[in-house]
Every structure is written in C-alpha cells, then in structure tokens.
Amino acid sequence: EIFGDTAYKDVVIDFSKKIVTDKSIVIGAGWVPGSSTDKDAVLL
C-alpha cells in the first residue's frame, strides 16, 4: 500500500503462478508451511 500504483495490485502468495504486469514493484509474502520467506524471495 505504501508504494501505491507503482506496485503490482496484489500481494503474491503463490509462486507457482505466472505474474503478468508492467509494474516496477511486485510484493510477495509467505507461501506454504515448511518453507521460509528467504526461499520465497528466491522463488519470486
């Protein structure tokens, strides 16, 4: 929210799905149990 229209409209929480956007920022968060946000960062 603090990046407003500069960021992709949704918080990405499923890194198996393709992201189609022309936005300069994509924000993501935790995906599945047993993983870590460090791993999620690599996946994103």
PDB file of all heavy atoms in Angstrom:
ATOM      1  N   GLU A   1       0.809  -1.216   0.000  1.00  0.00           N
ATOM      2  CA  GLU A   1       0.000   0.000   0.000  1.00  0.00           C
ATOM      3  C   GLU A   1       0.843   1.267   0.000  1.00  0.00           C
ATOM      4  O   GLU A   1       0.454   2.275  -0.594  1.00  0.00           O
ATOM      5  CB  GLU A   1      -0.953   0.007   1.199  1.00  0.00           C
ATOM      6  CG  GLU A   1      -1.953  -1.148   1.216  1.00  0.00           C
ATOM      7  CD  GLU A   1      -2.715  -1.314  -0.085  1.00  0.00           C
ATOM      8  OE1 GLU A   1      -3.003  -0.306  -0.751  1.00  0.00           O
ATOM      9  OE2 GLU A   1      -3.030  -2.463  -0.449  1.00  0.00           O
ATOM     10  N   ILE A   2       1.991   1.250   0.666  1.00  0.00           N
ATOM     11  CA  ILE A   2       2.795   2.483   0.705  1.00  0.00           C
ATOM     12  C   ILE A   2       3.432   2.783  -0.650  1.00  0.00           C
ATOM     13  O   ILE A   2       3.858   3.926  -0.888  1.00  0.00           O
ATOM     14  CB  ILE A   2       3.883   2.441   1.807  1.00  0.00           C
ATOM     15  CG1 ILE A   2       4.956   1.401   1.507  1.00  0.00           C
ATOM     16  CG2 ILE A   2       3.264   2.228   3.174  1.00  0.00           C
ATOM     17  CD1 ILE A   2       6.117   1.432   2.482  1.00  0.00           C
ATOM     18  N   PHE A   3       3.486   1.786  -1.540  1.00  0.00           N
ATOM     19  CA  PHE A   3       4.014   2.030  -2.883  1.00  0.00           C
ATOM     20  C   PHE A   3       2.912   2.359  -3.891  1.00  0.00           C
ATOM     21  O   PHE A   3       3.201   2.729  -5.026  1.00  0.00           O
ATOM     22  CB  PHE A   3       4.839   0.837  -3.361  1.00  0.00           C
ATOM     23  CG  PHE A   3       6.208   0.769  -2.757  1.00  0.00           C
ATOM     24  CD1 PHE A   3       6.518  -0.191  -1.819  1.00  0.00           C
ATOM     25  CD2 PHE A   3       7.181   1.694  -3.120  1.00  0.00           C
ATOM     26  CE1 PHE A   3       7.779  -0.247  -1.250  1.00  0.00           C
ATOM     27  CE2 PHE A   3       8.446   1.648  -2.557  1.00  0.00           C
ATOM     28  CZ  PHE A   3       8.748   0.681  -1.617  1.00  0.00           C
ATOM     29  N   GLY A   4       1.660   2.203  -3.475  1.00  0.00           N
ATOM     30  CA  GLY A   4       0.538   2.619  -4.313  1.00  0.00           C
ATOM     31  C   GLY A   4       0.538   2.022  -5.703  1.00  0.00           C
ATOM     32  O   GLY A   4       0.790   0.824  -5.892  1.00  0.00           O
ATOM     33  N   ASP A   5       0.299   2.865  -6.721  1.00  0.00           N
ATOM     34  CA  ASP A   5       0.182   2.411  -8.104  1.00  0.00           C
ATOM     35  C   ASP A   5       1.499   1.959  -8.717  1.00  0.00           C
ATOM     36  O   ASP A   5       1.513   1.392  -9.813  1.00  0.00           O
ATOM     37  CB  ASP A   5      -0.410   3.518  -8.975  1.00  0.00           C
ATOM     38  CG  ASP A   5      -1.865   3.807  -8.636  1.00  0.00           C
ATOM     39  OD1 ASP A   5      -2.521   2.904  -8.066  1.00  0.00           O
ATOM     40  OD2 ASP A   5      -2.342   4.921  -8.922  1.00  0.00           O
ATOM     41  N   THR A   6       2.600   2.199  -8.016  1.00  0.00           N
ATOM     42  CA  THR A   6       3.900   1.745  -8.527  1.00  0.00           C
ATOM     43  C   THR A   6       4.032   0.232  -8.402  1.00  0.00           C
ATOM     44  O   THR A   6       4.813  -0.384  -9.135  1.00  0.00           O
ATOM     45  CB  THR A   6       5.045   2.424  -7.739  1.00  0.00           C
ATOM     46  OG1 THR A   6       4.809   3.827  -7.667  1.00  0.00           O
ATOM     47  CG2 THR A   6       6.381   2.192  -8.420  1.00  0.00           C
ATOM     48  N   ALA A   7       3.259  -0.356  -7.501  1.00  0.00           N
ATOM     49  CA  ALA A   7       3.371  -1.788  -7.227  1.00  0.00           C
ATOM     50  C   ALA A   7       2.245  -2.586  -7.881  1.00  0.00           C
ATOM     51  O   ALA A   7       1.160  -2.063  -8.142  1.00  0.00           O
ATOM     52  CB  ALA A   7       3.352  -2.035  -5.721  1.00  0.00           C
ATOM     53  N   TYR A   8       2.533  -3.850  -8.141  1.00  0.00           N
ATOM     54  CA  TYR A   8       1.525  -4.797  -8.637  1.00  0.00           C
ATOM     55  C   TYR A   8       0.355  -4.832  -7.665  1.00  0.00           C
ATOM     56  O   TYR A   8       0.534  -4.747  -6.458  1.00  0.00           O
ATOM     57  CB  TYR A   8       2.182  -6.172  -8.775  1.00  0.00           C
ATOM     58  CG  TYR A   8       1.277  -7.275  -9.259  1.00  0.00           C
ATOM     59  CD1 TYR A   8       0.613  -7.183 -10.481  1.00  0.00           C
ATOM     60  CD2 TYR A   8       1.105  -8.432  -8.492  1.00  0.00           C
ATOM     61  CE1 TYR A   8      -0.215  -8.207 -10.927  1.00  0.00           C
ATOM     62  CE2 TYR A   8       0.285  -9.462  -8.939  1.00  0.00           C
ATOM     63  CZ  TYR A   8      -0.377  -9.348 -10.148  1.00  0.00           C
ATOM     64  OH  TYR A   8      -1.196 -10.357 -10.578  1.00  0.00           O
ATOM     65  N   LYS A   9      -0.846  -4.955  -8.201  1.00  0.00           N
ATOM     66  CA  LYS A   9      -2.060  -4.766  -7.415  1.00  0.00           C
ATOM     67  C   LYS A   9      -2.251  -5.754  -6.273  1.00  0.00           C
ATOM     68  O   LYS A   9      -2.899  -5.436  -5.275  1.00  0.00           O
ATOM     69  CB  LYS A   9      -3.285  -4.826  -8.334  1.00  0.00           C
ATOM     70  CG  LYS A   9      -3.490  -6.174  -9.023  1.00  0.00           C
ATOM     71  CD  LYS A   9      -4.672  -6.125  -9.973  1.00  0.00           C
ATOM     72  CE  LYS A   9      -4.914  -7.449 -10.666  1.00  0.00           C
ATOM     73  NZ  LYS A   9      -5.361  -8.518  -9.730  1.00  0.00           N
ATOM     74  N   ASP A  10      -1.707  -6.957  -6.379  1.00  0.00           N
ATOM     75  CA  ASP A  10      -1.916  -7.984  -5.354  1.00  0.00           C
ATOM     76  C   ASP A  10      -0.607  -8.357  -4.670  1.00  0.00           C
ATOM     77  O   ASP A  10       0.471  -8.275  -5.265  1.00  0.00           O
ATOM     78  CB  ASP A  10      -2.513  -9.259  -5.973  1.00  0.00           C
ATOM     79  CG  ASP A  10      -3.881  -9.016  -6.584  1.00  0.00           C
ATOM     80  OD1 ASP A  10      -4.677  -8.281  -5.972  1.00  0.00           O
ATOM     81  OD2 ASP A  10      -4.154  -9.560  -7.676  1.00  0.00           O
ATOM     82  N   VAL A  11      -0.709  -8.771  -3.418  1.00  0.00           N
ATOM     83  CA  VAL A  11       0.423  -9.396  -2.747  1.00  0.00           C
ATOM     84  C   VAL A  11       0.515 -10.836  -3.251  1.00  0.00           C
ATOM     85  O   VAL A  11      -0.455 -11.591  -3.176  1.00  0.00           O
ATOM     86  CB  VAL A  11       0.245  -9.386  -1.213  1.00  0.00           C
ATOM     87  CG1 VAL A  11       1.330 -10.235  -0.540  1.00  0.00           C
ATOM     88  CG2 VAL A  11       0.281  -7.966  -0.677  1.00  0.00           C
ATOM     89  N   VAL A  12       1.664 -11.208  -3.775  1.00  0.00           N
ATOM     90  CA  VAL A  12       1.844 -12.548  -4.343  1.00  0.00           C
ATOM     91  C   VAL A  12       2.057 -13.552  -3.219  1.00  0.00           C
ATOM     92  O   VAL A  12       2.972 -13.407  -2.407  1.00  0.00           O
ATOM     93  CB  VAL A  12       3.042 -12.579  -5.313  1.00  0.00           C
ATOM     94  CG1 VAL A  12       3.239 -13.983  -5.870  1.00  0.00           C
ATOM     95  CG2 VAL A  12       2.833 -11.573  -6.439  1.00  0.00           C
ATOM     96  N   ILE A  13       1.203 -14.572  -3.175  1.00  0.00           N
ATOM     97  CA  ILE A  13       1.329 -15.603  -2.137  1.00  0.00           C
ATOM     98  C   ILE A  13       1.364 -17.011  -2.737  1.00  0.00           C
ATOM     99  O   ILE A  13       1.336 -17.991  -2.005  1.00  0.00           O
ATOM    100  CB  ILE A  13       0.168 -15.498  -1.115  1.00  0.00           C
ATOM    101  CG1 ILE A  13      -1.188 -15.604  -1.807  1.00  0.00           C
ATOM    102  CG2 ILE A  13       0.280 -14.211  -0.320  1.00  0.00           C
ATOM    103  CD1 ILE A  13      -2.370 -15.649  -0.851  1.00  0.00           C
ATOM    104  N   ASP A  14       1.430 -17.089  -4.061  1.00  0.00           N
ATOM    105  CA  ASP A  14       1.549 -18.383  -4.744  1.00  0.00           C
ATOM    106  C   ASP A  14       2.584 -18.227  -5.845  1.00  0.00           C
ATOM    107  O   ASP A  14       2.327 -17.614  -6.880  1.00  0.00           O
ATOM    108  CB  ASP A  14       0.202 -18.803  -5.335  1.00  0.00           C
ATOM    109  CG  ASP A  14       0.246 -20.201  -5.952  1.00  0.00           C
ATOM    110  OD1 ASP A  14       1.366 -20.716  -6.191  1.00  0.00           O
ATOM    111  OD2 ASP A  14      -0.824 -20.774  -6.205  1.00  0.00           O
ATOM    112  N   PHE A  15       3.764 -18.788  -5.633  1.00  0.00           N
ATOM    113  CA  PHE A  15       4.876 -18.595  -6.556  1.00  0.00           C
ATOM    114  C   PHE A  15       4.920 -19.643  -7.664  1.00  0.00           C
ATOM    115  O   PHE A  15       5.910 -19.738  -8.395  1.00  0.00           O
ATOM    116  CB  PHE A  15       6.187 -18.565  -5.766  1.00  0.00           C
ATOM    117  CG  PHE A  15       6.201 -17.494  -4.716  1.00  0.00           C
ATOM    118  CD1 PHE A  15       6.047 -17.811  -3.369  1.00  0.00           C
ATOM    119  CD2 PHE A  15       6.322 -16.168  -5.066  1.00  0.00           C
ATOM    120  CE1 PHE A  15       6.030 -16.822  -2.402  1.00  0.00           C
ATOM    121  CE2 PHE A  15       6.306 -15.160  -4.111  1.00  0.00           C
ATOM    122  CZ  PHE A  15       6.169 -15.490  -2.779  1.00  0.00           C
ATOM    123  N   SER A  16       3.844 -20.416  -7.785  1.00  0.00           N
ATOM    124  CA  SER A  16       3.732 -21.359  -8.898  1.00  0.00           C
ATOM    125  C   SER A  16       2.977 -20.745 -10.073  1.00  0.00           C
ATOM    126  O   SER A  16       2.911 -21.335 -11.146  1.00  0.00           O
ATOM    127  CB  SER A  16       3.017 -22.638  -8.440  1.00  0.00           C
ATOM    128  OG  SER A  16       1.648 -22.363  -8.121  1.00  0.00           O
ATOM    129  N   LYS A  17       2.400 -19.552  -9.850  1.00  0.00           N
ATOM    130  CA  LYS A  17       1.595 -18.900 -10.884  1.00  0.00           C
ATOM    131  C   LYS A  17       2.380 -17.767 -11.540  1.00  0.00           C
ATOM    132  O   LYS A  17       3.061 -16.992 -10.870  1.00  0.00           O
ATOM    133  CB  LYS A  17       0.303 -18.349 -10.273  1.00  0.00           C
ATOM    134  CG  LYS A  17      -0.622 -19.425  -9.728  1.00  0.00           C
ATOM    135  CD  LYS A  17      -1.890 -18.804  -9.137  1.00  0.00           C
ATOM    136  CE  LYS A  17      -2.831 -19.863  -8.598  1.00  0.00           C
ATOM    137  NZ  LYS A  17      -4.057 -19.264  -8.000  1.00  0.00           N
ATOM    138  N   LYS A  18       2.253 -17.658 -12.849  1.00  0.00           N
ATOM    139  CA  LYS A  18       2.932 -16.620 -13.606  1.00  0.00           C
ATOM    140  C   LYS A  18       2.342 -15.247 -13.280  1.00  0.00           C
ATOM    141  O   LYS A  18       1.139 -15.100 -13.091  1.00  0.00           O
ATOM    142  CB  LYS A  18       2.792 -16.905 -15.105  1.00  0.00           C
ATOM    143  CG  LYS A  18       3.590 -15.962 -15.988  1.00  0.00           C
ATOM    144  CD  LYS A  18       3.464 -16.348 -17.445  1.00  0.00           C
ATOM    145  CE  LYS A  18       4.266 -15.404 -18.333  1.00  0.00           C
ATOM    146  NZ  LYS A  18       4.146 -15.775 -19.764  1.00  0.00           N
ATOM    147  N   ILE A  19       3.197 -14.244 -13.208  1.00  0.00           N
ATOM    148  CA  ILE A  19       2.765 -12.877 -12.939  1.00  0.00           C
ATOM    149  C   ILE A  19       2.903 -12.058 -14.222  1.00  0.00           C
ATOM    150  O   ILE A  19       3.986 -11.986 -14.809  1.00  0.00           O
ATOM    151  CB  ILE A  19       3.609 -12.224 -11.826  1.00  0.00           C
ATOM    152  CG1 ILE A  19       3.502 -13.016 -10.532  1.00  0.00           C
ATOM    153  CG2 ILE A  19       3.180 -10.784 -11.599  1.00  0.00           C
ATOM    154  CD1 ILE A  19       4.460 -12.562  -9.454  1.00  0.00           C
ATOM    155  N   VAL A  20       1.814 -11.465 -14.640  1.00  0.00           N
ATOM    156  CA  VAL A  20       1.839 -10.605 -15.826  1.00  0.00           C
ATOM    157  C   VAL A  20       1.552  -9.184 -15.381  1.00  0.00           C
ATOM    158  O   VAL A  20       0.436  -8.857 -14.980  1.00  0.00           O
ATOM    159  CB  VAL A  20       0.797 -11.059 -16.869  1.00  0.00           C
ATOM    160  CG1 VAL A  20       0.850 -10.131 -18.089  1.00  0.00           C
ATOM    161  CG2 VAL A  20       1.030 -12.501 -17.285  1.00  0.00           C
ATOM    162  N   THR A  21       2.565  -8.329 -15.451  1.00  0.00           N
ATOM    163  CA  THR A  21       2.395  -6.941 -15.003  1.00  0.00           C
ATOM    164  C   THR A  21       3.481  -6.060 -15.605  1.00  0.00           C
ATOM    165  O   THR A  21       4.582  -6.542 -15.910  1.00  0.00           O
ATOM    166  CB  THR A  21       2.445  -6.837 -13.464  1.00  0.00           C
ATOM    167  OG1 THR A  21       2.230  -5.476 -13.084  1.00  0.00           O
ATOM    168  CG2 THR A  21       3.778  -7.313 -12.919  1.00  0.00           C
ATOM    169  N   ASP A  22       3.167  -4.787 -15.772  1.00  0.00           N
ATOM    170  CA  ASP A  22       4.172  -3.827 -16.200  1.00  0.00           C
ATOM    171  C   ASP A  22       4.618  -2.947 -15.033  1.00  0.00           C
ATOM    172  O   ASP A  22       5.344  -1.969 -15.217  1.00  0.00           O
ATOM    173  CB  ASP A  22       3.633  -2.956 -17.342  1.00  0.00           C
ATOM    174  CG  ASP A  22       2.380  -2.168 -16.930  1.00  0.00           C
ATOM    175  OD1 ASP A  22       1.866  -2.408 -15.818  1.00  0.00           O
ATOM    176  OD2 ASP A  22       1.933  -1.321 -17.721  1.00  0.00           O
ATOM    177  N   LYS A  23       4.183  -3.285 -13.833  1.00  0.00           N
ATOM    178  CA  LYS A  23       4.549  -2.516 -12.646  1.00  0.00           C
ATOM    179  C   LYS A  23       6.008  -2.772 -12.284  1.00  0.00           C
ATOM    180  O   LYS A  23       6.553  -3.857 -12.518  1.00  0.00           O
ATOM    181  CB  LYS A  23       3.647  -2.875 -11.468  1.00  0.00           C
ATOM    182  CG  LYS A  23       2.170  -2.568 -11.703  1.00  0.00           C
ATOM    183  CD  LYS A  23       1.921  -1.076 -11.864  1.00  0.00           C
ATOM    184  CE  LYS A  23       0.441  -0.767 -12.008  1.00  0.00           C
ATOM    185  NZ  LYS A  23       0.193   0.691 -12.170  1.00  0.00           N
ATOM    186  N   SER A  24       6.611  -1.766 -11.666  1.00  0.00           N
ATOM    187  CA  SER A  24       8.035  -1.853 -11.337  1.00  0.00           C
ATOM    188  C   SER A  24       8.314  -2.576 -10.021  1.00  0.00           C
ATOM    189  O   SER A  24       9.453  -2.908  -9.727  1.00  0.00           O
ATOM    190  CB  SER A  24       8.639  -0.438 -11.267  1.00  0.00           C
ATOM    191  OG  SER A  24       8.535   0.208 -12.515  1.00  0.00           O
ATOM    192  N   ILE A  25       7.258  -2.786  -9.218  1.00  0.00           N
ATOM    193  CA  ILE A  25       7.422  -3.450  -7.917  1.00  0.00           C
ATOM    194  C   ILE A  25       6.400  -4.569  -7.783  1.00  0.00           C
ATOM    195  O   ILE A  25       5.219  -4.375  -8.071  1.00  0.00           O
ATOM    196  CB  ILE A  25       7.235  -2.466  -6.745  1.00  0.00           C
ATOM    197  CG1 ILE A  25       8.193  -1.280  -6.864  1.00  0.00           C
ATOM    198  CG2 ILE A  25       7.451  -3.167  -5.402  1.00  0.00           C
ATOM    199  CD1 ILE A  25       7.954  -0.200  -5.826  1.00  0.00           C
ATOM    200  N   VAL A  26       6.873  -5.723  -7.360  1.00  0.00           N
ATOM    201  CA  VAL A  26       5.992  -6.843  -7.033  1.00  0.00           C
ATOM    202  C   VAL A  26       6.259  -7.217  -5.580  1.00  0.00           C
ATOM    203  O   VAL A  26       7.402  -7.478  -5.199  1.00  0.00           O
ATOM    204  CB  VAL A  26       6.245  -8.067  -7.947  1.00  0.00           C
ATOM    205  CG1 VAL A  26       5.371  -9.236  -7.511  1.00  0.00           C
ATOM    206  CG2 VAL A  26       5.969  -7.707  -9.404  1.00  0.00           C
ATOM    207  N   ILE A  27       5.209  -7.225  -4.768  1.00  0.00           N
ATOM    208  CA  ILE A  27       5.335  -7.544  -3.334  1.00  0.00           C
ATOM    209  C   ILE A  27       4.823  -8.955  -3.087  1.00  0.00           C
ATOM    210  O   ILE A  27       3.756  -9.331  -3.577  1.00  0.00           O
ATOM    211  CB  ILE A  27       4.519  -6.566  -2.459  1.00  0.00           C
ATOM    212  CG1 ILE A  27       4.803  -5.110  -2.839  1.00  0.00           C
ATOM    213  CG2 ILE A  27       4.795  -6.829  -0.981  1.00  0.00           C
ATOM    214  CD1 ILE A  27       6.180  -4.636  -2.531  1.00  0.00           C
ATOM    215  N   GLY A  28       5.580  -9.730  -2.328  1.00  0.00           N
ATOM    216  CA  GLY A  28       5.167 -11.087  -2.005  1.00  0.00           C
ATOM    217  C   GLY A  28       5.309 -11.371  -0.518  1.00  0.00           C
ATOM    218  O   GLY A  28       5.913 -10.592   0.225  1.00  0.00           O
ATOM    219  N   ALA A  29       4.759 -12.524  -0.102  1.00  0.00           N
ATOM    220  CA  ALA A  29       4.811 -12.897   1.318  1.00  0.00           C
ATOM    221  C   ALA A  29       4.886 -14.412   1.435  1.00  0.00           C
ATOM    222  O   ALA A  29       5.067 -15.115   0.442  1.00  0.00           O
ATOM    223  CB  ALA A  29       3.592 -12.337   2.043  1.00  0.00           C
ATOM    224  N   GLY A  30       4.730 -14.911   2.662  1.00  0.00           N
ATOM    225  CA  GLY A  30       4.827 -16.339   2.913  1.00  0.00           C
ATOM    226  C   GLY A  30       3.859 -17.154   2.070  1.00  0.00           C
ATOM    227  O   GLY A  30       2.721 -16.748   1.853  1.00  0.00           O
ATOM    228  N   TRP A  31       4.318 -18.308   1.619  1.00  0.00           N
ATOM    229  CA  TRP A  31       3.524 -19.135   0.707  1.00  0.00           C
ATOM    230  C   TRP A  31       2.932 -20.348   1.411  1.00  0.00           C
ATOM    231  O   TRP A  31       1.748 -20.407   1.701  1.00  0.00           O
ATOM    232  CB  TRP A  31       4.391 -19.555  -0.475  1.00  0.00           C
ATOM    233  CG  TRP A  31       3.677 -20.363  -1.536  1.00  0.00           C
ATOM    234  CD1 TRP A  31       2.324 -20.488  -1.688  1.00  0.00           C
ATOM    235  CD2 TRP A  31       4.275 -21.137  -2.572  1.00  0.00           C
ATOM    236  NE1 TRP A  31       2.027 -21.288  -2.770  1.00  0.00           N
ATOM    237  CE2 TRP A  31       3.214 -21.703  -3.332  1.00  0.00           C
ATOM    238  CE3 TRP A  31       5.580 -21.414  -2.952  1.00  0.00           C
ATOM    239  CZ2 TRP A  31       3.439 -22.527  -4.435  1.00  0.00           C
ATOM    240  CZ3 TRP A  31       5.807 -22.227  -4.054  1.00  0.00           C
ATOM    241  CH2 TRP A  31       4.748 -22.768  -4.784  1.00  0.00           C
ATOM    242  N   VAL A  32       3.784 -21.338   1.717  1.00  0.00           N
ATOM    243  CA  VAL A  32       3.285 -22.599   2.262  1.00  0.00           C
ATOM    244  C   VAL A  32       4.033 -22.970   3.536  1.00  0.00           C
ATOM    245  O   VAL A  32       5.185 -22.572   3.727  1.00  0.00           O
ATOM    246  CB  VAL A  32       3.424 -23.745   1.238  1.00  0.00           C
ATOM    247  CG1 VAL A  32       2.514 -23.519   0.045  1.00  0.00           C
ATOM    248  CG2 VAL A  32       4.877 -23.895   0.780  1.00  0.00           C
ATOM    249  N   PRO A  33       3.408 -23.738   4.434  1.00  0.00           N
ATOM    250  CA  PRO A  33       4.089 -24.210   5.643  1.00  0.00           C
ATOM    251  C   PRO A  33       5.314 -25.047   5.294  1.00  0.00           C
ATOM    252  O   PRO A  33       5.351 -25.720   4.266  1.00  0.00           O
ATOM    253  CB  PRO A  33       3.022 -25.070   6.341  1.00  0.00           C
ATOM    254  CG  PRO A  33       1.723 -24.541   5.823  1.00  0.00           C
ATOM    255  CD  PRO A  33       1.983 -24.153   4.401  1.00  0.00           C
ATOM    256  N   GLY A  34       6.313 -24.974   6.155  1.00  0.00           N
ATOM    257  CA  GLY A  34       7.522 -25.759   5.932  1.00  0.00           C
ATOM    258  C   GLY A  34       8.552 -25.046   5.080  1.00  0.00           C
ATOM    259  O   GLY A  34       9.625 -25.588   4.801  1.00  0.00           O
ATOM    260  N   SER A  35       8.240 -23.835   4.652  1.00  0.00           N
ATOM    261  CA  SER A  35       9.162 -23.053   3.839  1.00  0.00           C
ATOM    262  C   SER A  35       9.603 -21.833   4.633  1.00  0.00           C
ATOM    263  O   SER A  35       9.285 -21.683   5.804  1.00  0.00           O
ATOM    264  CB  SER A  35       8.478 -22.653   2.525  1.00  0.00           C
ATOM    265  OG  SER A  35       9.400 -22.027   1.658  1.00  0.00           O
ATOM    266  N   SER A  36      10.322 -20.926   3.982  1.00  0.00           N
ATOM    267  CA  SER A  36      10.754 -19.686   4.632  1.00  0.00           C
ATOM    268  C   SER A  36      10.618 -18.547   3.641  1.00  0.00           C
ATOM    269  O   SER A  36      10.552 -18.770   2.431  1.00  0.00           O
ATOM    270  CB  SER A  36      12.212 -19.789   5.104  1.00  0.00           C
ATOM    271  OG  SER A  36      13.081 -19.807   3.977  1.00  0.00           O
ATOM    272  N   THR A  37      10.587 -17.331   4.148  1.00  0.00           N
ATOM    273  CA  THR A  37      10.486 -16.190   3.242  1.00  0.00           C
ATOM    274  C   THR A  37      11.794 -15.971   2.475  1.00  0.00           C
ATOM    275  O   THR A  37      11.790 -15.348   1.418  1.00  0.00           O
ATOM    276  CB  THR A  37      10.111 -14.902   4.007  1.00  0.00           C
ATOM    277  OG1 THR A  37      10.934 -14.760   5.167  1.00  0.00           O
ATOM    278  CG2 THR A  37       8.643 -14.934   4.422  1.00  0.00           C
ATOM    279  N   ASP A  38      12.908 -16.490   2.982  1.00  0.00           N
ATOM    280  CA  ASP A  38      14.148 -16.451   2.208  1.00  0.00           C
ATOM    281  C   ASP A  38      13.992 -17.281   0.932  1.00  0.00           C
ATOM    282  O   ASP A  38      14.385 -16.853  -0.164  1.00  0.00           O
ATOM    283  CB  ASP A  38      15.320 -16.989   3.033  1.00  0.00           C
ATOM    284  CG  ASP A  38      15.760 -16.020   4.126  1.00  0.00           C
ATOM    285  OD1 ASP A  38      15.354 -14.849   4.062  1.00  0.00           O
ATOM    286  OD2 ASP A  38      16.481 -16.449   5.037  1.00  0.00           O
ATOM    287  N   LYS A  39      13.422 -18.457   1.081  1.00  0.00           N
ATOM    288  CA  LYS A  39      13.171 -19.302  -0.088  1.00  0.00           C
ATOM    289  C   LYS A  39      12.156 -18.637  -1.008  1.00  0.00           C
ATOM    290  O   LYS A  39      12.317 -18.650  -2.238  1.00  0.00           O
ATOM    291  CB  LYS A  39      12.650 -20.668   0.356  1.00  0.00           C
ATOM    292  CG  LYS A  39      12.315 -21.592  -0.816  1.00  0.00           C
ATOM    293  CD  LYS A  39      11.788 -22.929  -0.332  1.00  0.00           C
ATOM    294  CE  LYS A  39      11.401 -23.806  -1.520  1.00  0.00           C
ATOM    295  NZ  LYS A  39      10.872 -25.126  -1.070  1.00  0.00           N
ATOM    296  N   ASP A  40      11.123 -18.049  -0.417  1.00  0.00           N
ATOM    297  CA  ASP A  40      10.103 -17.372  -1.220  1.00  0.00           C
ATOM    298  C   ASP A  40      10.708 -16.226  -2.026  1.00  0.00           C
ATOM    299  O   ASP A  40      10.283 -15.952  -3.151  1.00  0.00           O
ATOM    300  CB  ASP A  40       8.992 -16.837  -0.313  1.00  0.00           C
ATOM    301  CG  ASP A  40       8.201 -17.956   0.356  1.00  0.00           C
ATOM    302  OD1 ASP A  40       8.184 -19.071  -0.196  1.00  0.00           O
ATOM    303  OD2 ASP A  40       7.624 -17.708   1.427  1.00  0.00           O
ATOM    304  N   ALA A  41      11.705 -15.554  -1.463  1.00  0.00           N
ATOM    305  CA  ALA A  41      12.375 -14.457  -2.170  1.00  0.00           C
ATOM    306  C   ALA A  41      13.074 -14.974  -3.426  1.00  0.00           C
ATOM    307  O   ALA A  41      13.029 -14.348  -4.495  1.00  0.00           O
ATOM    308  CB  ALA A  41      13.381 -13.773  -1.252  1.00  0.00           C
ATOM    309  N   VAL A  42      13.700 -16.135  -3.303  1.00  0.00           N
ATOM    310  CA  VAL A  42      14.367 -16.743  -4.458  1.00  0.00           C
ATOM    311  C   VAL A  42      13.339 -17.176  -5.498  1.00  0.00           C
ATOM    312  O   VAL A  42      13.537 -16.986  -6.703  1.00  0.00           O
ATOM    313  CB  VAL A  42      15.230 -17.942  -4.011  1.00  0.00           C
ATOM    314  CG1 VAL A  42      15.828 -18.659  -5.224  1.00  0.00           C
ATOM    315  CG2 VAL A  42      16.340 -17.480  -3.077  1.00  0.00           C
ATOM    316  N   LEU A  43      12.235 -17.730  -5.042  1.00  0.00           N
ATOM    317  CA  LEU A  43      11.174 -18.147  -5.959  1.00  0.00           C
ATOM    318  C   LEU A  43      10.576 -16.952  -6.709  1.00  0.00           C
ATOM    319  O   LEU A  43      10.311 -17.021  -7.910  1.00  0.00           O
ATOM    320  CB  LEU A  43      10.073 -18.882  -5.190  1.00  0.00           C
ATOM    321  CG  LEU A  43      10.453 -20.246  -4.598  1.00  0.00           C
ATOM    322  CD1 LEU A  43       9.310 -20.782  -3.743  1.00  0.00           C
ATOM    323  CD2 LEU A  43      10.805 -21.237  -5.703  1.00  0.00           C
ATOM    324  N   LEU A  44      10.372 -15.840  -5.979  1.00  0.00           N
ATOM    325  CA  LEU A  44       9.849 -14.639  -6.622  1.00  0.00           C
ATOM    326  C   LEU A  44      10.859 -14.085  -7.625  1.00  0.00           C
ATOM    327  O   LEU A  44      10.480 -13.644  -8.719  1.00  0.00           O
ATOM    328  CB  LEU A  44       9.509 -13.575  -5.578  1.00  0.00           C
ATOM    329  CG  LEU A  44       8.972 -12.246  -6.121  1.00  0.00           C
ATOM    330  CD1 LEU A  44       7.675 -12.464  -6.898  1.00  0.00           C
ATOM    331  CD2 LEU A  44       8.741 -11.238  -4.997  1.00  0.00           C
TER     332      LEU A  44
END
